[in-house]
Amino acid sequence: MKRFFSSLSPTARGICCILLSALGFALMNVFVKLAGDLPSVQKAFFRNVVAAVVAGWMLWRSKLPTRYWQRPNLPLLILRASLGTAGLLCNYYAVDHLILSDASIINKLTPFFVIIFSALFLRERADHIQKLGVAAAFCGCLFIVHPSLDFSAVFPSIIGLLGACFSGAAYTCVRGLTQRGEPGAAIVLFFSLFSCLAVLPWIAFHYVPMTLEQLGILILAGCAASVGQFGVTAAYGFAPAKEISVFDYSQVLFSAVLGFFIFDQLPDGWSLVGYVIIIGTAVLLFRHNLRQTGTAQ
């Protein structure tokens, strides 16, 4: 498997990593919802404790020099961690207050923001086909969300949208950090530790007692989040956002399947139309990117 992965082009490696990341984040949302009526901040804290342990272990195993987090990169690391923490809290709030598929779909606007921010700050220009592909995927998401006029649903949706925006900006920072040679595990560790410290004062004063089952579920959420986080960090290190970010929409499909089997949530006809649009767009963009890199047969 390792030899096969090494034989792939950087873009293909990025796609594989982002698909694995999408599955990890879909599982994370499932575990967050299964944890029950706990504060979103508390769920985020335990998620990041696990991620920090995993990242620290990976850095120790990799035998990298102890002086990662290069000083010139600290401002970008802090910005990435701040944006990522805000995005995480917003996403957890949306997962807690919306059905799983809706929360996942809103969060999947993240790649749309990634391409915008990458164009603005990293000068990674998308061509017309890629721009149309992202727009089509965004329209597919709208088919699935089909926004309601019910006021009670508006606020969680807005929070979810803000989370997607924050996450898109954070992933753009990840791309910039990997281009500067910052190890992926070091980026994840910095983010996880920063997030834990940022919410620790709230935890100290508003901690809600948990059962052993809830604690176990949150540990699983942290493990799944680690898979998602390391996957997306590696993905944007292998390839520019314009070539791979649309494949992050596969989380929509993972969430739909998991939502059906675990929460008995069945997508309606409009949602199925959205899935077809997103999958079709992903396939077309993949072929387009292969032709661009000269690897298409």
C-alpha atoms as a PDB file:
ATOM      1  CA  MET A   1       0.000   0.000   0.000  1.00  0.00           C
ATOM      2  CA  LYS A   2       2.812   2.393   0.887  1.00  0.00           C
ATOM      3  CA  ARG A   3       4.565   1.657  -2.414  1.00  0.00           C
ATOM      4  CA  PHE A   4       1.335   2.212  -4.349  1.00  0.00           C
ATOM      5  CA  PHE A   5       0.749   5.540  -2.566  1.00  0.00           C
ATOM      6  CA  SER A   6       4.303   6.650  -3.328  1.00  0.00           C
ATOM      7  CA  SER A   7       3.766   5.923  -7.027  1.00  0.00           C
ATOM      8  CA  LEU A   8       0.856   8.367  -7.244  1.00  0.00           C
ATOM      9  CA  SER A   9       1.189  11.955  -8.414  1.00  0.00           C
ATOM     10  CA  PRO A  10       1.093  14.695  -5.718  1.00  0.00           C
ATOM     11  CA  THR A  11      -2.466  15.606  -6.761  1.00  0.00           C
ATOM     12  CA  ALA A  12      -3.649  11.989  -6.503  1.00  0.00           C
ATOM     13  CA  ARG A  13      -2.024  11.699  -3.077  1.00  0.00           C
ATOM     14  CA  GLY A  14      -3.810  14.857  -1.985  1.00  0.00           C
ATOM     15  CA  ILE A  15      -7.138  13.446  -3.173  1.00  0.00           C
ATOM     16  CA  CYS A  16      -6.605  10.186  -1.264  1.00  0.00           C
ATOM     17  CA  CYS A  17      -5.733  12.094   1.894  1.00  0.00           C
ATOM     18  CA  ILE A  18      -8.699  14.415   1.640  1.00  0.00           C
ATOM     19  CA  LEU A  19     -11.098  11.496   1.133  1.00  0.00           C
ATOM     20  CA  LEU A  20      -9.716   9.836   4.261  1.00  0.00           C
ATOM     21  CA  SER A  21     -10.024  13.166   6.045  1.00  0.00           C
ATOM     22  CA  ALA A  22     -13.672  13.493   4.983  1.00  0.00           C
ATOM     23  CA  LEU A  23     -14.471  10.060   6.434  1.00  0.00           C
ATOM     24  CA  GLY A  24     -12.695  10.942   9.666  1.00  0.00           C
ATOM     25  CA  PHE A  25     -14.625  14.188  10.100  1.00  0.00           C
ATOM     26  CA  ALA A  26     -17.929  12.472   9.267  1.00  0.00           C
ATOM     27  CA  LEU A  27     -17.262   9.931  12.021  1.00  0.00           C
ATOM     28  CA  MET A  28     -16.255  12.749  14.372  1.00  0.00           C
ATOM     29  CA  ASN A  29     -19.638  14.445  13.868  1.00  0.00           C
ATOM     30  CA  VAL A  30     -21.413  11.159  14.542  1.00  0.00           C
ATOM     31  CA  PHE A  31     -19.583  10.705  17.847  1.00  0.00           C
ATOM     32  CA  VAL A  32     -20.163  14.345  18.811  1.00  0.00           C
ATOM     33  CA  LYS A  33     -23.891  13.866  18.298  1.00  0.00           C
ATOM     34  CA  LEU A  34     -23.868  10.538  20.144  1.00  0.00           C
ATOM     35  CA  ALA A  35     -22.195  12.209  23.150  1.00  0.00           C
ATOM     36  CA  GLY A  36     -25.543  13.777  23.982  1.00  0.00           C
ATOM     37  CA  ASP A  37     -26.447  17.051  25.672  1.00  0.00           C
ATOM     38  CA  LEU A  38     -22.987  18.294  26.612  1.00  0.00           C
ATOM     39  CA  PRO A  39     -21.741  21.854  25.918  1.00  0.00           C
ATOM     40  CA  SER A  40     -20.073  22.229  22.520  1.00  0.00           C
ATOM     41  CA  VAL A  41     -17.011  23.807  24.156  1.00  0.00           C
ATOM     42  CA  GLN A  42     -16.560  20.777  26.425  1.00  0.00           C
ATOM     43  CA  LYS A  43     -16.842  18.418  23.466  1.00  0.00           C
ATOM     44  CA  ALA A  44     -14.235  20.449  21.590  1.00  0.00           C
ATOM     45  CA  PHE A  45     -11.865  20.365  24.566  1.00  0.00           C
ATOM     46  CA  PHE A  46     -11.825  16.577  24.849  1.00  0.00           C
ATOM     47  CA  ARG A  47     -11.590  16.220  21.076  1.00  0.00           C
ATOM     48  CA  ASN A  48      -8.447  18.355  21.038  1.00  0.00           C
ATOM     49  CA  VAL A  49      -6.868  16.639  24.047  1.00  0.00           C
ATOM     50  CA  VAL A  50      -6.935  13.367  22.098  1.00  0.00           C
ATOM     51  CA  ALA A  51      -5.666  15.075  18.934  1.00  0.00           C
ATOM     52  CA  ALA A  52      -2.788  16.648  20.877  1.00  0.00           C
ATOM     53  CA  VAL A  53      -1.748  13.252  22.289  1.00  0.00           C
ATOM     54  CA  VAL A  54      -1.869  11.655  18.825  1.00  0.00           C
ATOM     55  CA  ALA A  55       0.095  14.519  17.241  1.00  0.00           C
ATOM     56  CA  GLY A  56       2.709  14.457  20.013  1.00  0.00           C
ATOM     57  CA  TRP A  57       3.123  10.697  19.615  1.00  0.00           C
ATOM     58  CA  MET A  58       3.550  11.023  15.842  1.00  0.00           C
ATOM     59  CA  LEU A  59       6.192  13.723  16.268  1.00  0.00           C
ATOM     60  CA  TRP A  60       8.045  11.544  18.769  1.00  0.00           C
ATOM     61  CA  ARG A  61       7.900   8.552  16.410  1.00  0.00           C
ATOM     62  CA  SER A  62       9.074  10.623  13.443  1.00  0.00           C
ATOM     63  CA  LYS A  63      12.252  11.674  15.325  1.00  0.00           C
ATOM     64  CA  LEU A  64      12.005  15.177  13.876  1.00  0.00           C
ATOM     65  CA  PRO A  65      14.237  17.892  15.336  1.00  0.00           C
ATOM     66  CA  THR A  66      12.807  19.313  18.550  1.00  0.00           C
ATOM     67  CA  ARG A  67      12.816  22.817  17.130  1.00  0.00           C
ATOM     68  CA  TYR A  68       9.714  22.718  14.980  1.00  0.00           C
ATOM     69  CA  TRP A  69       7.291  25.645  15.080  1.00  0.00           C
ATOM     70  CA  GLN A  70       9.882  27.878  13.451  1.00  0.00           C
ATOM     71  CA  ARG A  71       9.806  31.403  14.829  1.00  0.00           C
ATOM     72  CA  PRO A  72       8.985  33.088  11.481  1.00  0.00           C
ATOM     73  CA  ASN A  73       5.960  30.763  11.218  1.00  0.00           C
ATOM     74  CA  LEU A  74       4.533  31.549  14.662  1.00  0.00           C
ATOM     75  CA  PRO A  75       2.182  34.350  13.523  1.00  0.00           C
ATOM     76  CA  LEU A  76       0.693  32.073  10.851  1.00  0.00           C
ATOM     77  CA  LEU A  77       0.503  29.163  13.323  1.00  0.00           C
ATOM     78  CA  ILE A  78      -1.378  31.338  15.816  1.00  0.00           C
ATOM     79  CA  LEU A  79      -3.710  32.590  13.086  1.00  0.00           C
ATOM     80  CA  ARG A  80      -4.357  29.029  11.889  1.00  0.00           C
ATOM     81  CA  ALA A  81      -5.041  27.856  15.463  1.00  0.00           C
ATOM     82  CA  SER A  82      -7.342  30.786  16.254  1.00  0.00           C
ATOM     83  CA  LEU A  83      -9.367  30.370  13.077  1.00  0.00           C
ATOM     84  CA  GLY A  84      -9.449  26.585  13.486  1.00  0.00           C
ATOM     85  CA  THR A  85     -10.693  26.863  17.066  1.00  0.00           C
ATOM     86  CA  ALA A  86     -13.463  29.255  16.048  1.00  0.00           C
ATOM     87  CA  GLY A  87     -14.427  26.986  13.148  1.00  0.00           C
ATOM     88  CA  LEU A  88     -14.450  23.904  15.385  1.00  0.00           C
ATOM     89  CA  LEU A  89     -16.708  25.497  18.008  1.00  0.00           C
ATOM     90  CA  CYS A  90     -19.103  26.748  15.343  1.00  0.00           C
ATOM     91  CA  ASN A  91     -19.243  23.325  13.689  1.00  0.00           C
ATOM     92  CA  TYR A  92     -19.910  21.528  16.983  1.00  0.00           C
ATOM     93  CA  TYR A  93     -22.700  23.977  17.756  1.00  0.00           C
ATOM     94  CA  ALA A  94     -24.242  23.285  14.345  1.00  0.00           C
ATOM     95  CA  VAL A  95     -23.927  19.506  14.817  1.00  0.00           C
ATOM     96  CA  ASP A  96     -25.684  19.810  18.182  1.00  0.00           C
ATOM     97  CA  HIS A  97     -28.560  21.941  16.867  1.00  0.00           C
ATOM     98  CA  LEU A  98     -29.126  20.665  13.310  1.00  0.00           C
ATOM     99  CA  ILE A  99     -29.612  17.226  11.841  1.00  0.00           C
ATOM    100  CA  LEU A 100     -26.298  15.588  10.969  1.00  0.00           C
ATOM    101  CA  SER A 101     -26.605  15.889   7.186  1.00  0.00           C
ATOM    102  CA  ASP A 102     -27.505  19.594   7.285  1.00  0.00           C
ATOM    103  CA  ALA A 103     -24.626  20.407   9.645  1.00  0.00           C
ATOM    104  CA  SER A 104     -22.188  18.441   7.462  1.00  0.00           C
ATOM    105  CA  ILE A 105     -23.385  20.102   4.274  1.00  0.00           C
ATOM    106  CA  ILE A 106     -23.057  23.602   5.666  1.00  0.00           C
ATOM    107  CA  ASN A 107     -19.548  22.754   6.853  1.00  0.00           C
ATOM    108  CA  LYS A 108     -18.742  21.519   3.345  1.00  0.00           C
ATOM    109  CA  LEU A 109     -18.847  25.100   2.139  1.00  0.00           C
ATOM    110  CA  THR A 110     -15.310  25.159   3.576  1.00  0.00           C
ATOM    111  CA  PRO A 111     -13.608  24.219   0.252  1.00  0.00           C
ATOM    112  CA  PHE A 112     -15.421  27.112  -1.416  1.00  0.00           C
ATOM    113  CA  PHE A 113     -13.842  29.494   1.087  1.00  0.00           C
ATOM    114  CA  VAL A 114     -10.466  27.714   0.784  1.00  0.00           C
ATOM    115  CA  ILE A 115     -10.270  28.448  -2.926  1.00  0.00           C
ATOM    116  CA  ILE A 116     -11.269  32.092  -2.355  1.00  0.00           C
ATOM    117  CA  PHE A 117      -8.661  32.600   0.380  1.00  0.00           C
ATOM    118  CA  SER A 118      -5.979  30.670  -1.524  1.00  0.00           C
ATOM    119  CA  ALA A 119      -6.513  32.930  -4.523  1.00  0.00           C
ATOM    120  CA  LEU A 120      -6.389  36.055  -2.364  1.00  0.00           C
ATOM    121  CA  PHE A 121      -3.421  35.209  -0.139  1.00  0.00           C
ATOM    122  CA  LEU A 122      -1.440  32.365  -1.758  1.00  0.00           C
ATOM    123  CA  ARG A 123      -1.840  33.443  -5.400  1.00  0.00           C
ATOM    124  CA  GLU A 124      -3.094  29.964  -6.377  1.00  0.00           C
ATOM    125  CA  ARG A 125      -5.368  30.957  -9.239  1.00  0.00           C
ATOM    126  CA  ALA A 126      -8.096  28.559 -10.325  1.00  0.00           C
ATOM    127  CA  ASP A 127      -8.960  28.241 -14.010  1.00  0.00           C
ATOM    128  CA  HIS A 128     -12.494  28.704 -15.343  1.00  0.00           C
ATOM    129  CA  ILE A 129     -13.352  24.988 -15.246  1.00  0.00           C
ATOM    130  CA  GLN A 130     -12.292  24.708 -11.616  1.00  0.00           C
ATOM    131  CA  LYS A 131     -14.254  27.834 -10.690  1.00  0.00           C
ATOM    132  CA  LEU A 132     -17.362  26.456 -12.387  1.00  0.00           C
ATOM    133  CA  GLY A 133     -16.814  23.114 -10.654  1.00  0.00           C
ATOM    134  CA  VAL A 134     -16.696  24.716  -7.215  1.00  0.00           C
ATOM    135  CA  ALA A 135     -19.773  26.798  -8.039  1.00  0.00           C
ATOM    136  CA  ALA A 136     -21.619  23.635  -9.127  1.00  0.00           C
ATOM    137  CA  ALA A 137     -20.648  21.860  -5.925  1.00  0.00           C
ATOM    138  CA  PHE A 138     -21.860  24.866  -3.934  1.00  0.00           C
ATOM    139  CA  CYS A 139     -25.203  24.720  -5.775  1.00  0.00           C
ATOM    140  CA  GLY A 140     -25.406  21.019  -4.983  1.00  0.00           C
ATOM    141  CA  CYS A 141     -25.044  21.877  -1.319  1.00  0.00           C
ATOM    142  CA  LEU A 142     -27.932  24.316  -1.582  1.00  0.00           C
ATOM    143  CA  PHE A 143     -30.133  21.547  -2.966  1.00  0.00           C
ATOM    144  CA  ILE A 144     -29.339  19.502   0.120  1.00  0.00           C
ATOM    145  CA  VAL A 145     -29.673  22.254   2.699  1.00  0.00           C
ATOM    146  CA  HIS A 146     -32.917  23.722   1.192  1.00  0.00           C
ATOM    147  CA  PRO A 147     -32.947  26.535   3.783  1.00  0.00           C
ATOM    148  CA  SER A 148     -36.070  26.908   5.890  1.00  0.00           C
ATOM    149  CA  LEU A 149     -37.846  30.120   6.887  1.00  0.00           C
ATOM    150  CA  ASP A 150     -38.234  28.707  10.396  1.00  0.00           C
ATOM    151  CA  PHE A 151     -36.459  31.246  12.618  1.00  0.00           C
ATOM    152  CA  SER A 152     -35.284  28.562  15.042  1.00  0.00           C
ATOM    153  CA  ALA A 153     -33.200  27.008  12.241  1.00  0.00           C
ATOM    154  CA  VAL A 154     -31.645  30.269  11.048  1.00  0.00           C
ATOM    155  CA  PHE A 155     -29.218  30.912  13.898  1.00  0.00           C
ATOM    156  CA  PRO A 156     -27.582  27.440  13.927  1.00  0.00           C
ATOM    157  CA  SER A 157     -27.231  27.620  10.140  1.00  0.00           C
ATOM    158  CA  ILE A 158     -25.530  31.013  10.351  1.00  0.00           C
ATOM    159  CA  ILE A 159     -23.158  29.687  13.014  1.00  0.00           C
ATOM    160  CA  GLY A 160     -22.415  26.696  10.790  1.00  0.00           C
ATOM    161  CA  LEU A 161     -21.702  29.001   7.839  1.00  0.00           C
ATOM    162  CA  LEU A 162     -19.330  31.079   9.962  1.00  0.00           C
ATOM    163  CA  GLY A 163     -17.626  27.850  10.965  1.00  0.00           C
ATOM    164  CA  ALA A 164     -17.108  26.932   7.313  1.00  0.00           C
ATOM    165  CA  CYS A 165     -15.612  30.357   6.649  1.00  0.00           C
ATOM    166  CA  PHE A 166     -13.247  30.122   9.633  1.00  0.00           C
ATOM    167  CA  SER A 167     -12.216  26.587   8.651  1.00  0.00           C
ATOM    168  CA  GLY A 168     -11.572  27.650   5.056  1.00  0.00           C
ATOM    169  CA  ALA A 169      -9.270  30.409   6.261  1.00  0.00           C
ATOM    170  CA  ALA A 170      -7.557  27.974   8.660  1.00  0.00           C
ATOM    171  CA  TYR A 171      -6.908  25.416   5.899  1.00  0.00           C
ATOM    172  CA  THR A 172      -5.450  28.164   3.743  1.00  0.00           C
ATOM    173  CA  CYS A 173      -3.003  28.844   6.580  1.00  0.00           C
ATOM    174  CA  VAL A 174      -2.203  25.103   6.653  1.00  0.00           C
ATOM    175  CA  ARG A 175      -1.292  25.240   2.986  1.00  0.00           C
ATOM    176  CA  GLY A 176       0.966  28.228   3.617  1.00  0.00           C
ATOM    177  CA  LEU A 177       2.649  26.544   6.595  1.00  0.00           C
ATOM    178  CA  THR A 178       3.368  23.326   4.708  1.00  0.00           C
ATOM    179  CA  GLN A 179       4.887  25.368   1.892  1.00  0.00           C
ATOM    180  CA  ARG A 180       7.216  26.875   4.499  1.00  0.00           C
ATOM    181  CA  GLY A 181       8.336  23.410   5.621  1.00  0.00           C
ATOM    182  CA  GLU A 182       6.376  23.148   8.875  1.00  0.00           C
ATOM    183  CA  PRO A 183       5.706  19.427   9.628  1.00  0.00           C
ATOM    184  CA  GLY A 184       2.048  18.438   9.450  1.00  0.00           C
ATOM    185  CA  ALA A 185       2.105  16.807  12.908  1.00  0.00           C
ATOM    186  CA  ALA A 186       3.604  19.978  14.373  1.00  0.00           C
ATOM    187  CA  ILE A 187       0.783  22.054  12.857  1.00  0.00           C
ATOM    188  CA  VAL A 188      -1.845  19.717  14.316  1.00  0.00           C
ATOM    189  CA  LEU A 189      -0.142  19.659  17.725  1.00  0.00           C
ATOM    190  CA  PHE A 190       0.067  23.460  17.887  1.00  0.00           C
ATOM    191  CA  PHE A 191      -3.608  23.786  16.926  1.00  0.00           C
ATOM    192  CA  SER A 192      -4.730  21.139  19.425  1.00  0.00           C
ATOM    193  CA  LEU A 193      -2.767  22.602  22.335  1.00  0.00           C
ATOM    194  CA  PHE A 194      -3.846  26.150  21.464  1.00  0.00           C
ATOM    195  CA  SER A 195      -7.512  25.102  21.306  1.00  0.00           C
ATOM    196  CA  CYS A 196      -7.329  23.288  24.651  1.00  0.00           C
ATOM    197  CA  LEU A 197      -5.756  26.300  26.352  1.00  0.00           C
ATOM    198  CA  ALA A 198      -8.232  28.687  24.713  1.00  0.00           C
ATOM    199  CA  VAL A 199     -11.297  26.907  26.119  1.00  0.00           C
ATOM    200  CA  LEU A 200      -9.735  25.811  29.431  1.00  0.00           C
ATOM    201  CA  PRO A 201     -11.046  28.844  31.401  1.00  0.00           C
ATOM    202  CA  TRP A 202     -14.592  28.056  30.247  1.00  0.00           C
ATOM    203  CA  ILE A 203     -14.144  24.388  31.201  1.00  0.00           C
ATOM    204  CA  ALA A 204     -12.888  25.378  34.658  1.00  0.00           C
ATOM    205  CA  PHE A 205     -16.072  27.305  35.474  1.00  0.00           C
ATOM    206  CA  HIS A 206     -18.739  25.492  33.421  1.00  0.00           C
ATOM    207  CA  TYR A 207     -17.705  21.839  33.409  1.00  0.00           C
ATOM    208  CA  VAL A 208     -20.646  19.410  33.087  1.00  0.00           C
ATOM    209  CA  PRO A 209     -20.130  15.939  34.645  1.00  0.00           C
ATOM    210  CA  MET A 210     -20.006  13.110  32.112  1.00  0.00           C
ATOM    211  CA  THR A 211     -20.714   9.402  32.218  1.00  0.00           C
ATOM    212  CA  LEU A 212     -17.995   6.909  31.287  1.00  0.00           C
ATOM    213  CA  GLU A 213     -19.920   6.213  28.084  1.00  0.00           C
ATOM    214  CA  GLN A 214     -19.897   9.881  27.112  1.00  0.00           C
ATOM    215  CA  LEU A 215     -16.183  10.125  27.880  1.00  0.00           C
ATOM    216  CA  GLY A 216     -15.479   7.073  25.718  1.00  0.00           C
ATOM    217  CA  ILE A 217     -17.530   8.509  22.862  1.00  0.00           C
ATOM    218  CA  LEU A 218     -15.643  11.820  23.037  1.00  0.00           C
ATOM    219  CA  ILE A 219     -12.323   9.935  22.969  1.00  0.00           C
ATOM    220  CA  LEU A 220     -13.523   8.201  19.798  1.00  0.00           C
ATOM    221  CA  ALA A 221     -14.518  11.620  18.432  1.00  0.00           C
ATOM    222  CA  GLY A 222     -10.974  12.812  19.106  1.00  0.00           C
ATOM    223  CA  CYS A 223      -9.488   9.780  17.341  1.00  0.00           C
ATOM    224  CA  ALA A 224     -11.731  10.313  14.310  1.00  0.00           C
ATOM    225  CA  ALA A 225     -10.895  14.021  14.329  1.00  0.00           C
ATOM    226  CA  SER A 226      -7.189  13.164  14.353  1.00  0.00           C
ATOM    227  CA  VAL A 227      -7.658  11.090  11.211  1.00  0.00           C
ATOM    228  CA  GLY A 228      -9.523  13.999   9.626  1.00  0.00           C
ATOM    229  CA  GLN A 229      -7.030  16.618  10.755  1.00  0.00           C
ATOM    230  CA  PHE A 230      -3.914  14.731   9.690  1.00  0.00           C
ATOM    231  CA  GLY A 231      -5.603  13.824   6.423  1.00  0.00           C
ATOM    232  CA  VAL A 232      -6.475  17.388   5.493  1.00  0.00           C
ATOM    233  CA  THR A 233      -3.068  18.682   6.627  1.00  0.00           C
ATOM    234  CA  ALA A 234      -1.304  16.130   4.425  1.00  0.00           C
ATOM    235  CA  ALA A 235      -3.702  16.782   1.532  1.00  0.00           C
ATOM    236  CA  TYR A 236      -3.000  20.497   1.298  1.00  0.00           C
ATOM    237  CA  GLY A 237       0.695  19.760   1.612  1.00  0.00           C
ATOM    238  CA  PHE A 238       0.578  17.508  -1.453  1.00  0.00           C
ATOM    239  CA  ALA A 239      -1.482  19.725  -3.762  1.00  0.00           C
ATOM    240  CA  PRO A 240      -3.015  23.205  -4.121  1.00  0.00           C
ATOM    241  CA  ALA A 241      -6.547  23.769  -2.863  1.00  0.00           C
ATOM    242  CA  LYS A 242      -7.898  24.399  -6.376  1.00  0.00           C
ATOM    243  CA  GLU A 243      -6.994  20.826  -7.401  1.00  0.00           C
ATOM    244  CA  ILE A 244      -8.312  18.835  -4.436  1.00  0.00           C
ATOM    245  CA  SER A 245     -10.624  20.842  -2.175  1.00  0.00           C
ATOM    246  CA  VAL A 246     -13.783  19.860  -4.065  1.00  0.00           C
ATOM    247  CA  PHE A 247     -13.219  16.234  -3.037  1.00  0.00           C
ATOM    248  CA  ASP A 248     -13.813  17.237   0.560  1.00  0.00           C
ATOM    249  CA  TYR A 249     -17.503  17.221  -0.394  1.00  0.00           C
ATOM    250  CA  SER A 250     -17.354  13.444  -0.125  1.00  0.00           C
ATOM    251  CA  GLN A 251     -18.055  13.982   3.571  1.00  0.00           C
ATOM    252  CA  VAL A 252     -21.619  14.692   2.474  1.00  0.00           C
ATOM    253  CA  LEU A 253     -21.966  11.123   1.251  1.00  0.00           C
ATOM    254  CA  PHE A 254     -20.287   9.637   4.311  1.00  0.00           C
ATOM    255  CA  SER A 255     -22.564  11.666   6.577  1.00  0.00           C
ATOM    256  CA  ALA A 256     -25.669  10.622   4.654  1.00  0.00           C
ATOM    257  CA  VAL A 257     -24.794   6.922   4.960  1.00  0.00           C
ATOM    258  CA  LEU A 258     -23.861   7.179   8.641  1.00  0.00           C
ATOM    259  CA  GLY A 259     -26.909   9.308   9.397  1.00  0.00           C
ATOM    260  CA  PHE A 260     -29.183   6.697   7.821  1.00  0.00           C
ATOM    261  CA  PHE A 261     -27.748   3.681   9.632  1.00  0.00           C
ATOM    262  CA  ILE A 262     -27.162   5.331  13.028  1.00  0.00           C
ATOM    263  CA  PHE A 263     -29.821   8.055  13.330  1.00  0.00           C
ATOM    264  CA  ASP A 264     -32.388   6.710  10.839  1.00  0.00           C
ATOM    265  CA  GLN A 265     -32.143   9.903   8.760  1.00  0.00           C
ATOM    266  CA  LEU A 266     -33.169   9.442   5.132  1.00  0.00           C
ATOM    267  CA  PRO A 267     -32.328  12.179   2.571  1.00  0.00           C
ATOM    268  CA  ASP A 268     -35.233  13.536   0.554  1.00  0.00           C
ATOM    269  CA  GLY A 269     -35.392  13.885  -3.237  1.00  0.00           C
ATOM    270  CA  TRP A 270     -33.777  17.317  -3.311  1.00  0.00           C
ATOM    271  CA  SER A 271     -30.860  16.023  -1.251  1.00  0.00           C
ATOM    272  CA  LEU A 272     -30.335  13.181  -3.708  1.00  0.00           C
ATOM    273  CA  VAL A 273     -30.184  15.735  -6.545  1.00  0.00           C
ATOM    274  CA  GLY A 274     -27.480  17.552  -4.590  1.00  0.00           C
ATOM    275  CA  TYR A 275     -25.492  14.353  -4.105  1.00  0.00           C
ATOM    276  CA  VAL A 276     -25.579  13.656  -7.862  1.00  0.00           C
ATOM    277  CA  ILE A 277     -24.376  17.190  -8.625  1.00  0.00           C
ATOM    278  CA  ILE A 278     -21.512  16.955  -6.120  1.00  0.00           C
ATOM    279  CA  ILE A 279     -20.331  13.500  -7.224  1.00  0.00           C
ATOM    280  CA  GLY A 280     -20.585  14.464 -10.904  1.00  0.00           C
ATOM    281  CA  THR A 281     -18.611  17.644 -10.270  1.00  0.00           C
ATOM    282  CA  ALA A 282     -15.920  15.741  -8.368  1.00  0.00           C
ATOM    283  CA  VAL A 283     -15.481  13.232 -11.203  1.00  0.00           C
ATOM    284  CA  LEU A 284     -15.353  15.920 -13.898  1.00  0.00           C
ATOM    285  CA  LEU A 285     -12.864  18.033 -11.974  1.00  0.00           C
ATOM    286  CA  PHE A 286     -10.694  15.002 -11.303  1.00  0.00           C
ATOM    287  CA  ARG A 287     -10.500  14.232 -15.039  1.00  0.00           C
ATOM    288  CA  HIS A 288      -9.837  17.894 -15.792  1.00  0.00           C
ATOM    289  CA  ASN A 289      -6.989  18.026 -13.274  1.00  0.00           C
ATOM    290  CA  LEU A 290      -5.488  14.829 -14.677  1.00  0.00           C
ATOM    291  CA  ARG A 291      -5.471  16.334 -18.169  1.00  0.00           C
ATOM    292  CA  GLN A 292      -3.866  19.488 -16.809  1.00  0.00           C
ATOM    293  CA  THR A 293      -1.025  17.564 -15.193  1.00  0.00           C
ATOM    294  CA  GLY A 294      -0.559  15.385 -18.240  1.00  0.00           C
ATOM    295  CA  THR A 295      -1.340  12.102 -16.493  1.00  0.00           C
ATOM    296  CA  ALA A 296      -4.613  11.332 -18.238  1.00  0.00           C
ATOM    297  CA  GLN A 297      -4.454   8.410 -20.633  1.00  0.00           C
END
